[in-house]
Amino acid sequence: MQPDTIERINELARLCKTRELTPDELAERDRLRKEYIAAYRAHVEQQLAQTMVREPDGTLRPLRKKGEPQA
């Protein structure tokens, strides 16, 4: 996520507190928020994909998604 994109999200949030946003601004805000959430989610998924779990016997295994069968 680019810093200027985050700055624009913040700018629209400040504008929303002082006046009503135009339909174009509302659409832009919604699009930017979705992009931000998608980037955040991808980052968290990448972090979790690299996470290892230490079993009681001392072995390490990769963290798996909920409902995914054990290997």
C-alpha atoms as a PDB file:
ATOM      1  CA  MET A   1       0.000   0.000   0.000  1.00  0.00           C
ATOM      2  CA  GLN A   2       1.425   3.327  -1.065  1.00  0.00           C
ATOM      3  CA  PRO A   3       1.724   6.108   1.564  1.00  0.00           C
ATOM      4  CA  ASP A   4      -0.146   8.538  -0.700  1.00  0.00           C
ATOM      5  CA  THR A   5      -3.100   6.118  -0.811  1.00  0.00           C
ATOM      6  CA  ILE A   6      -3.257   5.985   2.977  1.00  0.00           C
ATOM      7  CA  GLU A   7      -2.975   9.775   3.106  1.00  0.00           C
ATOM      8  CA  ARG A   8      -5.922  10.074   0.704  1.00  0.00           C
ATOM      9  CA  ILE A   9      -8.008   7.725   2.881  1.00  0.00           C
ATOM     10  CA  ASN A  10      -7.195   9.910   5.886  1.00  0.00           C
ATOM     11  CA  GLU A  11      -7.981  13.081   3.940  1.00  0.00           C
ATOM     12  CA  LEU A  12     -11.404  11.731   2.980  1.00  0.00           C
ATOM     13  CA  ALA A  13     -12.028  10.727   6.602  1.00  0.00           C
ATOM     14  CA  ARG A  14     -11.231  14.281   7.751  1.00  0.00           C
ATOM     15  CA  LEU A  15     -13.484  15.740   5.057  1.00  0.00           C
ATOM     16  CA  CYS A  16     -16.317  13.435   6.122  1.00  0.00           C
ATOM     17  CA  LYS A  17     -16.161  14.918   9.622  1.00  0.00           C
ATOM     18  CA  THR A  18     -16.520  18.496   8.362  1.00  0.00           C
ATOM     19  CA  ARG A  19     -18.947  18.092   5.454  1.00  0.00           C
ATOM     20  CA  GLU A  20     -20.910  15.512   3.530  1.00  0.00           C
ATOM     21  CA  LEU A  21     -18.864  13.741   0.856  1.00  0.00           C
ATOM     22  CA  THR A  22     -19.882  13.896  -2.787  1.00  0.00           C
ATOM     23  CA  PRO A  23     -20.939  10.650  -4.512  1.00  0.00           C
ATOM     24  CA  ASP A  24     -17.567  10.540  -6.306  1.00  0.00           C
ATOM     25  CA  GLU A  25     -15.702  10.968  -3.013  1.00  0.00           C
ATOM     26  CA  LEU A  26     -17.818   8.257  -1.381  1.00  0.00           C
ATOM     27  CA  ALA A  27     -17.052   5.858  -4.229  1.00  0.00           C
ATOM     28  CA  GLU A  28     -13.336   6.699  -4.034  1.00  0.00           C
ATOM     29  CA  ARG A  29     -13.335   6.210  -0.253  1.00  0.00           C
ATOM     30  CA  ASP A  30     -15.023   2.814  -0.555  1.00  0.00           C
ATOM     31  CA  ARG A  31     -12.605   1.703  -3.296  1.00  0.00           C
ATOM     32  CA  LEU A  32      -9.559   2.834  -1.295  1.00  0.00           C
ATOM     33  CA  ARG A  33     -10.822   1.146   1.861  1.00  0.00           C
ATOM     34  CA  LYS A  34     -11.310  -2.141  -0.002  1.00  0.00           C
ATOM     35  CA  GLU A  35      -7.781  -1.892  -1.432  1.00  0.00           C
ATOM     36  CA  TYR A  36      -6.389  -1.190   2.048  1.00  0.00           C
ATOM     37  CA  ILE A  37      -8.221  -4.134   3.614  1.00  0.00           C
ATOM     38  CA  ALA A  38      -7.107  -6.468   0.798  1.00  0.00           C
ATOM     39  CA  ALA A  39      -3.468  -5.397   1.237  1.00  0.00           C
ATOM     40  CA  TYR A  40      -3.708  -5.779   5.023  1.00  0.00           C
ATOM     41  CA  ARG A  41      -5.276  -9.235   4.703  1.00  0.00           C
ATOM     42  CA  ALA A  42      -2.600 -10.362   2.225  1.00  0.00           C
ATOM     43  CA  HIS A  43       0.122  -9.194   4.602  1.00  0.00           C
ATOM     44  CA  VAL A  44      -1.390 -11.079   7.554  1.00  0.00           C
ATOM     45  CA  GLU A  45      -1.841 -14.238   5.458  1.00  0.00           C
ATOM     46  CA  GLN A  46       1.803 -14.012   4.369  1.00  0.00           C
ATOM     47  CA  GLN A  47       2.908 -13.697   7.994  1.00  0.00           C
ATOM     48  CA  LEU A  48       0.779 -16.663   9.064  1.00  0.00           C
ATOM     49  CA  ALA A  49       2.089 -18.782   6.170  1.00  0.00           C
ATOM     50  CA  GLN A  50       5.579 -18.394   7.653  1.00  0.00           C
ATOM     51  CA  THR A  51       4.498 -19.198  11.216  1.00  0.00           C
ATOM     52  CA  MET A  52       5.605 -22.501  12.702  1.00  0.00           C
ATOM     53  CA  VAL A  53       3.964 -24.400  15.591  1.00  0.00           C
ATOM     54  CA  ARG A  54       6.076 -26.352  18.063  1.00  0.00           C
ATOM     55  CA  GLU A  55       4.390 -29.616  18.938  1.00  0.00           C
ATOM     56  CA  PRO A  56       4.625 -31.122  22.457  1.00  0.00           C
ATOM     57  CA  ASP A  57       7.254 -33.579  21.194  1.00  0.00           C
ATOM     58  CA  GLY A  58       9.432 -30.650  20.016  1.00  0.00           C
ATOM     59  CA  THR A  59       8.862 -30.946  16.280  1.00  0.00           C
ATOM     60  CA  LEU A  60       7.957 -27.907  14.219  1.00  0.00           C
ATOM     61  CA  ARG A  61       5.151 -27.846  11.704  1.00  0.00           C
ATOM     62  CA  PRO A  62       3.720 -25.053   9.581  1.00  0.00           C
ATOM     63  CA  LEU A  63       0.566 -23.375  10.785  1.00  0.00           C
ATOM     64  CA  ARG A  64      -2.422 -24.579   8.779  1.00  0.00           C
ATOM     65  CA  LYS A  65      -5.706 -22.940   7.916  1.00  0.00           C
ATOM     66  CA  LYS A  66      -8.786 -23.876   9.912  1.00  0.00           C
ATOM     67  CA  GLY A  67     -10.424 -26.951   8.425  1.00  0.00           C
ATOM     68  CA  GLU A  68      -7.322 -27.914   6.459  1.00  0.00           C
ATOM     69  CA  PRO A  69      -6.395 -31.598   6.940  1.00  0.00           C
ATOM     70  CA  GLN A  70      -3.268 -32.444   8.888  1.00  0.00           C
ATOM     71  CA  ALA A  71      -0.325 -33.573   6.832  1.00  0.00           C
END
